[in-house]
Amino acid sequence: MFVPVGLARVATDRRTPITLLVLNGFFAAPLAACLVVPEPYAVDRELGLLPFGVLAATFGVKYLIDERGNASRIAGLCLLALVPLHFR
């Protein structure tokens, strides 16, 4: 939930060099695995996407928690509290 919200936030509202780097890195990182000749472990090259996904999710968390409406703030906090269960 946080990654799509963060990417939407970065793409629409926040236009700084850092946020554009995160946006471009998120969409350009999988190209390394797609453009190479099919190899057994080519998917490992997509791990470059991970830091950009984490940064985009961080923008999503910040947006949901800093939002003025109580509903989005409560939803953001509840979703953030459920993240450890996802990794369990």
PDB file of N, CA and C in Angstrom:
ATOM      1  N   MET A   1       0.817  -1.198   0.000  1.00  0.00           N
ATOM      2  CA  MET A   1       0.000   0.000   0.000  1.00  0.00           C
ATOM      3  C   MET A   1       0.858   1.257   0.000  1.00  0.00           C
ATOM      4  N   PHE A   2       1.986   1.215   0.697  1.00  0.00           N
ATOM      5  CA  PHE A   2       2.798   2.420   0.831  1.00  0.00           C
ATOM      6  C   PHE A   2       3.541   2.770  -0.458  1.00  0.00           C
ATOM      7  N   VAL A   3       3.980   1.766  -1.207  1.00  0.00           N
ATOM      8  CA  VAL A   3       4.734   2.037  -2.434  1.00  0.00           C
ATOM      9  C   VAL A   3       3.862   2.752  -3.467  1.00  0.00           C
ATOM     10  N   PRO A   4       2.642   2.274  -3.786  1.00  0.00           N
ATOM     11  CA  PRO A   4       1.834   3.013  -4.760  1.00  0.00           C
ATOM     12  C   PRO A   4       1.482   4.430  -4.306  1.00  0.00           C
ATOM     13  N   VAL A   5       1.182   4.588  -3.012  1.00  0.00           N
ATOM     14  CA  VAL A   5       0.867   5.920  -2.495  1.00  0.00           C
ATOM     15  C   VAL A   5       2.093   6.822  -2.604  1.00  0.00           C
ATOM     16  N   GLY A   6       3.254   6.293  -2.257  1.00  0.00           N
ATOM     17  CA  GLY A   6       4.482   7.086  -2.339  1.00  0.00           C
ATOM     18  C   GLY A   6       4.837   7.465  -3.759  1.00  0.00           C
ATOM     19  N   LEU A   7       4.689   6.512  -4.694  1.00  0.00           N
ATOM     20  CA  LEU A   7       4.988   6.823  -6.094  1.00  0.00           C
ATOM     21  C   LEU A   7       4.017   7.854  -6.650  1.00  0.00           C
ATOM     22  N   ALA A   8       2.746   7.739  -6.279  1.00  0.00           N
ATOM     23  CA  ALA A   8       1.763   8.735  -6.730  1.00  0.00           C
ATOM     24  C   ALA A   8       2.086  10.102  -6.150  1.00  0.00           C
ATOM     25  N   ARG A   9       2.489  10.128  -4.905  1.00  0.00           N
ATOM     26  CA  ARG A   9       2.839  11.398  -4.250  1.00  0.00           C
ATOM     27  C   ARG A   9       4.051  12.036  -4.920  1.00  0.00           C
ATOM     28  N   VAL A  10       5.065  11.220  -5.192  1.00  0.00           N
ATOM     29  CA  VAL A  10       6.287  11.736  -5.819  1.00  0.00           C
ATOM     30  C   VAL A  10       5.996  12.206  -7.242  1.00  0.00           C
ATOM     31  N   ALA A  11       5.177  11.454  -7.968  1.00  0.00           N
ATOM     32  CA  ALA A  11       4.901  11.791  -9.366  1.00  0.00           C
ATOM     33  C   ALA A  11       4.028  13.027  -9.516  1.00  0.00           C
ATOM     34  N   THR A  12       3.168  13.296  -8.545  1.00  0.00           N
ATOM     35  CA  THR A  12       2.227  14.396  -8.718  1.00  0.00           C
ATOM     36  C   THR A  12       2.601  15.656  -7.950  1.00  0.00           C
ATOM     37  N   ASP A  13       2.994  15.513  -6.694  1.00  0.00           N
ATOM     38  CA  ASP A  13       3.137  16.695  -5.854  1.00  0.00           C
ATOM     39  C   ASP A  13       4.577  17.153  -5.650  1.00  0.00           C
ATOM     40  N   ARG A  14       5.448  16.247  -5.311  1.00  0.00           N
ATOM     41  CA  ARG A  14       6.799  16.623  -4.906  1.00  0.00           C
ATOM     42  C   ARG A  14       7.753  16.483  -6.081  1.00  0.00           C
ATOM     43  N   ARG A  15       8.193  17.576  -6.645  1.00  0.00           N
ATOM     44  CA  ARG A  15       9.113  17.568  -7.783  1.00  0.00           C
ATOM     45  C   ARG A  15      10.446  18.162  -7.377  1.00  0.00           C
ATOM     46  N   THR A  16      11.243  17.389  -6.668  1.00  0.00           N
ATOM     47  CA  THR A  16      12.601  17.802  -6.335  1.00  0.00           C
ATOM     48  C   THR A  16      13.553  16.838  -7.027  1.00  0.00           C
ATOM     49  N   PRO A  17      14.822  17.190  -7.141  1.00  0.00           N
ATOM     50  CA  PRO A  17      15.769  16.269  -7.793  1.00  0.00           C
ATOM     51  C   PRO A  17      15.846  14.903  -7.115  1.00  0.00           C
ATOM     52  N   ILE A  18      15.755  14.863  -5.807  1.00  0.00           N
ATOM     53  CA  ILE A  18      15.829  13.590  -5.091  1.00  0.00           C
ATOM     54  C   ILE A  18      14.602  12.728  -5.387  1.00  0.00           C
ATOM     55  N   THR A  19      13.421  13.315  -5.364  1.00  0.00           N
ATOM     56  CA  THR A  19      12.221  12.524  -5.617  1.00  0.00           C
ATOM     57  C   THR A  19      12.173  12.058  -7.074  1.00  0.00           C
ATOM     58  N   LEU A  20      12.647  12.867  -7.989  1.00  0.00           N
ATOM     59  CA  LEU A  20      12.706  12.426  -9.378  1.00  0.00           C
ATOM     60  C   LEU A  20      13.715  11.302  -9.564  1.00  0.00           C
ATOM     61  N   LEU A  21      14.806  11.331  -8.805  1.00  0.00           N
ATOM     62  CA  LEU A  21      15.778  10.240  -8.844  1.00  0.00           C
ATOM     63  C   LEU A  21      15.147   8.949  -8.334  1.00  0.00           C
ATOM     64  N   VAL A  22      14.382   9.030  -7.274  1.00  0.00           N
ATOM     65  CA  VAL A  22      13.692   7.850  -6.743  1.00  0.00           C
ATOM     66  C   VAL A  22      12.698   7.313  -7.765  1.00  0.00           C
ATOM     67  N   LEU A  23      11.932   8.187  -8.378  1.00  0.00           N
ATOM     68  CA  LEU A  23      10.937   7.771  -9.359  1.00  0.00           C
ATOM     69  C   LEU A  23      11.598   7.136 -10.579  1.00  0.00           C
ATOM     70  N   ASN A  24      12.616   7.786 -11.114  1.00  0.00           N
ATOM     71  CA  ASN A  24      13.310   7.234 -12.285  1.00  0.00           C
ATOM     72  C   ASN A  24      14.054   5.948 -11.945  1.00  0.00           C
ATOM     73  N   GLY A  25      14.663   5.889 -10.776  1.00  0.00           N
ATOM     74  CA  GLY A  25      15.361   4.676 -10.369  1.00  0.00           C
ATOM     75  C   GLY A  25      14.416   3.509 -10.178  1.00  0.00           C
ATOM     76  N   PHE A  26      13.233   3.759  -9.664  1.00  0.00           N
ATOM     77  CA  PHE A  26      12.261   2.692  -9.447  1.00  0.00           C
ATOM     78  C   PHE A  26      11.822   2.073 -10.771  1.00  0.00           C
ATOM     79  N   PHE A  27      11.626   2.904 -11.769  1.00  0.00           N
ATOM     80  CA  PHE A  27      11.156   2.373 -13.050  1.00  0.00           C
ATOM     81  C   PHE A  27      12.286   1.932 -13.975  1.00  0.00           C
ATOM     82  N   ALA A  28      13.495   2.410 -13.759  1.00  0.00           N
ATOM     83  CA  ALA A  28      14.617   2.033 -14.624  1.00  0.00           C
ATOM     84  C   ALA A  28      15.391   0.823 -14.099  1.00  0.00           C
ATOM     85  N   ALA A  29      15.307   0.510 -12.821  1.00  0.00           N
ATOM     86  CA  ALA A  29      16.093  -0.585 -12.242  1.00  0.00           C
ATOM     87  C   ALA A  29      15.770  -1.949 -12.860  1.00  0.00           C
ATOM     88  N   PRO A  30      14.541  -2.290 -13.178  1.00  0.00           N
ATOM     89  CA  PRO A  30      14.284  -3.611 -13.760  1.00  0.00           C
ATOM     90  C   PRO A  30      14.790  -3.769 -15.188  1.00  0.00           C
ATOM     91  N   LEU A  31      15.171  -2.703 -15.838  1.00  0.00           N
ATOM     92  CA  LEU A  31      15.650  -2.804 -17.221  1.00  0.00           C
ATOM     93  C   LEU A  31      16.904  -3.656 -17.336  1.00  0.00           C
ATOM     94  N   ALA A  32      17.745  -3.682 -16.315  1.00  0.00           N
ATOM     95  CA  ALA A  32      18.967  -4.471 -16.368  1.00  0.00           C
ATOM     96  C   ALA A  32      18.646  -5.957 -16.504  1.00  0.00           C
ATOM     97  N   ALA A  33      17.623  -6.431 -15.859  1.00  0.00           N
ATOM     98  CA  ALA A  33      17.254  -7.841 -15.957  1.00  0.00           C
ATOM     99  C   ALA A  33      16.486  -8.138 -17.235  1.00  0.00           C
ATOM    100  N   CYS A  34      15.795  -7.154 -17.769  1.00  0.00           N
ATOM    101  CA  CYS A  34      14.995  -7.382 -18.969  1.00  0.00           C
ATOM    102  C   CYS A  34      15.826  -7.350 -20.248  1.00  0.00           C
ATOM    103  N   LEU A  35      16.874  -6.567 -20.278  1.00  0.00           N
ATOM    104  CA  LEU A  35      17.639  -6.384 -21.499  1.00  0.00           C
ATOM    105  C   LEU A  35      18.759  -7.403 -21.698  1.00  0.00           C
ATOM    106  N   VAL A  36      19.046  -8.184 -20.695  1.00  0.00           N
ATOM    107  CA  VAL A  36      20.130  -9.159 -20.770  1.00  0.00           C
ATOM    108  C   VAL A  36      19.599 -10.453 -21.357  1.00  0.00           C
ATOM    109  N   VAL A  37      20.506 -11.187 -21.994  1.00  0.00           N
ATOM    110  CA  VAL A  37      20.138 -12.491 -22.535  1.00  0.00           C
ATOM    111  C   VAL A  37      19.605 -13.357 -21.397  1.00  0.00           C
ATOM    112  N   PRO A  38      18.567 -14.116 -21.635  1.00  0.00           N
ATOM    113  CA  PRO A  38      17.989 -14.927 -20.553  1.00  0.00           C
ATOM    114  C   PRO A  38      19.033 -15.842 -19.896  1.00  0.00           C
ATOM    115  N   GLU A  39      19.220 -15.627 -18.644  1.00  0.00           N
ATOM    116  CA  GLU A  39      20.132 -16.425 -17.844  1.00  0.00           C
ATOM    117  C   GLU A  39      19.359 -17.000 -16.670  1.00  0.00           C
ATOM    118  N   PRO A  40      19.879 -18.059 -16.032  1.00  0.00           N
ATOM    119  CA  PRO A  40      19.128 -18.666 -14.928  1.00  0.00           C
ATOM    120  C   PRO A  40      18.865 -17.720 -13.759  1.00  0.00           C
ATOM    121  N   TYR A  41      19.804 -16.848 -13.432  1.00  0.00           N
ATOM    122  CA  TYR A  41      19.644 -15.984 -12.257  1.00  0.00           C
ATOM    123  C   TYR A  41      19.565 -14.513 -12.637  1.00  0.00           C
ATOM    124  N   ALA A  42      18.960 -14.200 -13.747  1.00  0.00           N
ATOM    125  CA  ALA A  42      18.851 -12.813 -14.191  1.00  0.00           C
ATOM    126  C   ALA A  42      17.946 -11.995 -13.284  1.00  0.00           C
ATOM    127  N   VAL A  43      17.038 -12.643 -12.562  1.00  0.00           N
ATOM    128  CA  VAL A  43      16.131 -11.916 -11.684  1.00  0.00           C
ATOM    129  C   VAL A  43      16.895 -11.266 -10.526  1.00  0.00           C
ATOM    130  N   ASP A  44      18.088 -11.767 -10.206  1.00  0.00           N
ATOM    131  CA  ASP A  44      18.880 -11.163  -9.136  1.00  0.00           C
ATOM    132  C   ASP A  44      19.265  -9.724  -9.457  1.00  0.00           C
ATOM    133  N   ARG A  45      19.277  -9.377 -10.713  1.00  0.00           N
ATOM    134  CA  ARG A  45      19.613  -8.001 -11.089  1.00  0.00           C
ATOM    135  C   ARG A  45      18.517  -7.022 -10.712  1.00  0.00           C
ATOM    136  N   GLU A  46      17.343  -7.534 -10.410  1.00  0.00           N
ATOM    137  CA  GLU A  46      16.240  -6.658 -10.018  1.00  0.00           C
ATOM    138  C   GLU A  46      16.330  -6.228  -8.569  1.00  0.00           C
ATOM    139  N   LEU A  47      17.306  -6.706  -7.843  1.00  0.00           N
ATOM    140  CA  LEU A  47      17.475  -6.260  -6.466  1.00  0.00           C
ATOM    141  C   LEU A  47      17.848  -4.780  -6.393  1.00  0.00           C
ATOM    142  N   GLY A  48      18.287  -4.205  -7.498  1.00  0.00           N
ATOM    143  CA  GLY A  48      18.542  -2.775  -7.540  1.00  0.00           C
ATOM    144  C   GLY A  48      17.282  -1.953  -7.372  1.00  0.00           C
ATOM    145  N   LEU A  49      16.142  -2.579  -7.562  1.00  0.00           N
ATOM    146  CA  LEU A  49      14.850  -1.921  -7.386  1.00  0.00           C
ATOM    147  C   LEU A  49      14.508  -1.733  -5.914  1.00  0.00           C
ATOM    148  N   LEU A  50      15.048  -2.579  -5.069  1.00  0.00           N
ATOM    149  CA  LEU A  50      14.691  -2.590  -3.653  1.00  0.00           C
ATOM    150  C   LEU A  50      14.908  -1.257  -2.932  1.00  0.00           C
ATOM    151  N   PRO A  51      16.069  -0.616  -3.042  1.00  0.00           N
ATOM    152  CA  PRO A  51      16.230   0.666  -2.326  1.00  0.00           C
ATOM    153  C   PRO A  51      15.257   1.735  -2.794  1.00  0.00           C
ATOM    154  N   PHE A  52      14.962   1.745  -4.093  1.00  0.00           N
ATOM    155  CA  PHE A  52      14.023   2.741  -4.600  1.00  0.00           C
ATOM    156  C   PHE A  52      12.603   2.446  -4.129  1.00  0.00           C
ATOM    157  N   GLY A  53      12.252   1.169  -4.003  1.00  0.00           N
ATOM    158  CA  GLY A  53      10.949   0.801  -3.464  1.00  0.00           C
ATOM    159  C   GLY A  53      10.806   1.189  -2.004  1.00  0.00           C
ATOM    160  N   VAL A  54      11.875   1.013  -1.248  1.00  0.00           N
ATOM    161  CA  VAL A  54      11.850   1.403   0.165  1.00  0.00           C
ATOM    162  C   VAL A  54      11.698   2.916   0.298  1.00  0.00           C
ATOM    163  N   LEU A  55      12.422   3.662  -0.524  1.00  0.00           N
ATOM    164  CA  LEU A  55      12.298   5.124  -0.469  1.00  0.00           C
ATOM    165  C   LEU A  55      10.901   5.584  -0.885  1.00  0.00           C
ATOM    166  N   ALA A  56      10.335   4.955  -1.912  1.00  0.00           N
ATOM    167  CA  ALA A  56       8.974   5.301  -2.330  1.00  0.00           C
ATOM    168  C   ALA A  56       7.976   4.964  -1.228  1.00  0.00           C
ATOM    169  N   ALA A  57       8.152   3.833  -0.554  1.00  0.00           N
ATOM    170  CA  ALA A  57       7.264   3.474   0.549  1.00  0.00           C
ATOM    171  C   ALA A  57       7.393   4.462   1.697  1.00  0.00           C
ATOM    172  N   THR A  58       8.604   4.961   1.928  1.00  0.00           N
ATOM    173  CA  THR A  58       8.810   5.961   2.976  1.00  0.00           C
ATOM    174  C   THR A  58       8.057   7.247   2.660  1.00  0.00           C
ATOM    175  N   PHE A  59       8.061   7.654   1.398  1.00  0.00           N
ATOM    176  CA  PHE A  59       7.267   8.816   1.009  1.00  0.00           C
ATOM    177  C   PHE A  59       5.779   8.547   1.226  1.00  0.00           C
ATOM    178  N   GLY A  60       5.326   7.312   0.967  1.00  0.00           N
ATOM    179  CA  GLY A  60       3.929   6.957   1.186  1.00  0.00           C
ATOM    180  C   GLY A  60       3.543   6.999   2.652  1.00  0.00           C
ATOM    181  N   VAL A  61       4.423   6.476   3.521  1.00  0.00           N
ATOM    182  CA  VAL A  61       4.157   6.518   4.965  1.00  0.00           C
ATOM    183  C   VAL A  61       4.083   7.956   5.447  1.00  0.00           C
ATOM    184  N   LYS A  62       5.041   8.756   5.027  1.00  0.00           N
ATOM    185  CA  LYS A  62       5.074  10.169   5.451  1.00  0.00           C
ATOM    186  C   LYS A  62       3.823  10.901   4.982  1.00  0.00           C
ATOM    187  N   TYR A  63       3.399  10.628   3.763  1.00  0.00           N
ATOM    188  CA  TYR A  63       2.210  11.294   3.230  1.00  0.00           C
ATOM    189  C   TYR A  63       0.958  10.903   4.023  1.00  0.00           C
ATOM    190  N   LEU A  64       0.796   9.601   4.296  1.00  0.00           N
ATOM    191  CA  LEU A  64      -0.411   9.165   5.003  1.00  0.00           C
ATOM    192  C   LEU A  64      -0.440   9.664   6.442  1.00  0.00           C
ATOM    193  N   ILE A  65       0.701   9.698   7.099  1.00  0.00           N
ATOM    194  CA  ILE A  65       0.720  10.120   8.499  1.00  0.00           C
ATOM    195  C   ILE A  65       0.625  11.644   8.626  1.00  0.00           C
ATOM    196  N   ASP A  66       1.191  12.384   7.678  1.00  0.00           N
ATOM    197  CA  ASP A  66       1.150  13.845   7.738  1.00  0.00           C
ATOM    198  C   ASP A  66      -0.137  14.436   7.177  1.00  0.00           C
ATOM    199  N   GLU A  67      -0.992  13.611   6.577  1.00  0.00           N
ATOM    200  CA  GLU A  67      -2.238  14.103   5.991  1.00  0.00           C
ATOM    201  C   GLU A  67      -3.124  14.693   7.081  1.00  0.00           C
ATOM    202  N   ARG A  68      -3.898  15.685   6.729  1.00  0.00           N
ATOM    203  CA  ARG A  68      -4.712  16.391   7.718  1.00  0.00           C
ATOM    204  C   ARG A  68      -5.926  15.606   8.181  1.00  0.00           C
ATOM    205  N   GLY A  69      -6.473  14.780   7.330  1.00  0.00           N
ATOM    206  CA  GLY A  69      -7.670  14.026   7.709  1.00  0.00           C
ATOM    207  C   GLY A  69      -7.346  12.907   8.685  1.00  0.00           C
ATOM    208  N   ASN A  70      -8.239  12.721   9.643  1.00  0.00           N
ATOM    209  CA  ASN A  70      -8.031  11.668  10.637  1.00  0.00           C
ATOM    210  C   ASN A  70      -8.085  10.280  10.020  1.00  0.00           C
ATOM    211  N   ALA A  71      -8.918  10.093   9.000  1.00  0.00           N
ATOM    212  CA  ALA A  71      -9.076   8.768   8.395  1.00  0.00           C
ATOM    213  C   ALA A  71      -7.773   8.295   7.754  1.00  0.00           C
ATOM    214  N   SER A  72      -7.114   9.165   7.012  1.00  0.00           N
ATOM    215  CA  SER A  72      -5.865   8.747   6.366  1.00  0.00           C
ATOM    216  C   SER A  72      -4.746   8.568   7.392  1.00  0.00           C
ATOM    217  N   ARG A  73      -4.748   9.378   8.426  1.00  0.00           N
ATOM    218  CA  ARG A  73      -3.738   9.234   9.474  1.00  0.00           C
ATOM    219  C   ARG A  73      -3.917   7.917  10.225  1.00  0.00           C
ATOM    220  N   ILE A  74      -5.153   7.587  10.557  1.00  0.00           N
ATOM    221  CA  ILE A  74      -5.425   6.328  11.259  1.00  0.00           C
ATOM    222  C   ILE A  74      -5.112   5.141  10.357  1.00  0.00           C
ATOM    223  N   ALA A  75      -5.493   5.242   9.077  1.00  0.00           N
ATOM    224  CA  ALA A  75      -5.193   4.152   8.138  1.00  0.00           C
ATOM    225  C   ALA A  75      -3.682   3.969   7.988  1.00  0.00           C
ATOM    226  N   GLY A  76      -2.956   5.063   7.885  1.00  0.00           N
ATOM    227  CA  GLY A  76      -1.497   4.984   7.772  1.00  0.00           C
ATOM    228  C   GLY A  76      -0.853   4.358   8.990  1.00  0.00           C
ATOM    229  N   LEU A  77      -1.300   4.737  10.168  1.00  0.00           N
ATOM    230  CA  LEU A  77      -0.742   4.168  11.393  1.00  0.00           C
ATOM    231  C   LEU A  77      -1.104   2.694  11.546  1.00  0.00           C
ATOM    232  N   CYS A  78      -2.330   2.326  11.189  1.00  0.00           N
ATOM    233  CA  CYS A  78      -2.725   0.917  11.269  1.00  0.00           C
ATOM    234  C   CYS A  78      -1.940   0.068  10.275  1.00  0.00           C
ATOM    235  N   LEU A  79      -1.779   0.566   9.053  1.00  0.00           N
ATOM    236  CA  LEU A  79      -0.994  -0.171   8.067  1.00  0.00           C
ATOM    237  C   LEU A  79       0.466  -0.280   8.488  1.00  0.00           C
ATOM    238  N   LEU A  80       0.985   0.764   9.084  1.00  0.00           N
ATOM    239  CA  LEU A  80       2.369   0.730   9.561  1.00  0.00           C
ATOM    240  C   LEU A  80       2.524  -0.263  10.708  1.00  0.00           C
ATOM    241  N   ALA A  81       1.511  -0.372  11.553  1.00  0.00           N
ATOM    242  CA  ALA A  81       1.559  -1.339  12.650  1.00  0.00           C
ATOM    243  C   ALA A  81       1.469  -2.776  12.137  1.00  0.00           C
ATOM    244  N   LEU A  82       0.869  -2.989  10.966  1.00  0.00           N
ATOM    245  CA  LEU A  82       0.741  -4.324  10.398  1.00  0.00           C
ATOM    246  C   LEU A  82       1.976  -4.787   9.629  1.00  0.00           C
ATOM    247  N   VAL A  83       2.922  -3.915   9.386  1.00  0.00           N
ATOM    248  CA  VAL A  83       4.121  -4.289   8.618  1.00  0.00           C
ATOM    249  C   VAL A  83       4.895  -5.426   9.276  1.00  0.00           C
ATOM    250  N   PRO A  84       5.104  -5.445  10.590  1.00  0.00           N
ATOM    251  CA  PRO A  84       5.827  -6.604  11.176  1.00  0.00           C
ATOM    252  C   PRO A  84       5.102  -7.930  10.958  1.00  0.00           C
ATOM    253  N   LEU A  85       3.782  -7.911  10.912  1.00  0.00           N
ATOM    254  CA  LEU A  85       3.030  -9.153  10.642  1.00  0.00           C
ATOM    255  C   LEU A  85       3.269  -9.650   9.226  1.00  0.00           C
ATOM    256  N   HIS A  86       3.508  -8.733   8.328  1.00  0.00           N
ATOM    257  CA  HIS A  86       3.794  -9.114   6.944  1.00  0.00           C
ATOM    258  C   HIS A  86       5.082  -9.917   6.856  1.00  0.00           C
ATOM    259  N   PHE A  87       6.060  -9.571   7.663  1.00  0.00           N
ATOM    260  CA  PHE A  87       7.339 -10.262   7.615  1.00  0.00           C
ATOM    261  C   PHE A  87       7.394 -11.478   8.537  1.00  0.00           C
ATOM    262  N   ARG A  88       6.369 -11.689   9.302  1.00  0.00           N
ATOM    263  CA  ARG A  88       6.315 -12.849  10.186  1.00  0.00           C
ATOM    264  C   ARG A  88       6.029 -14.039   9.352  1.00  0.00           C
TER     265      ARG A  88
END
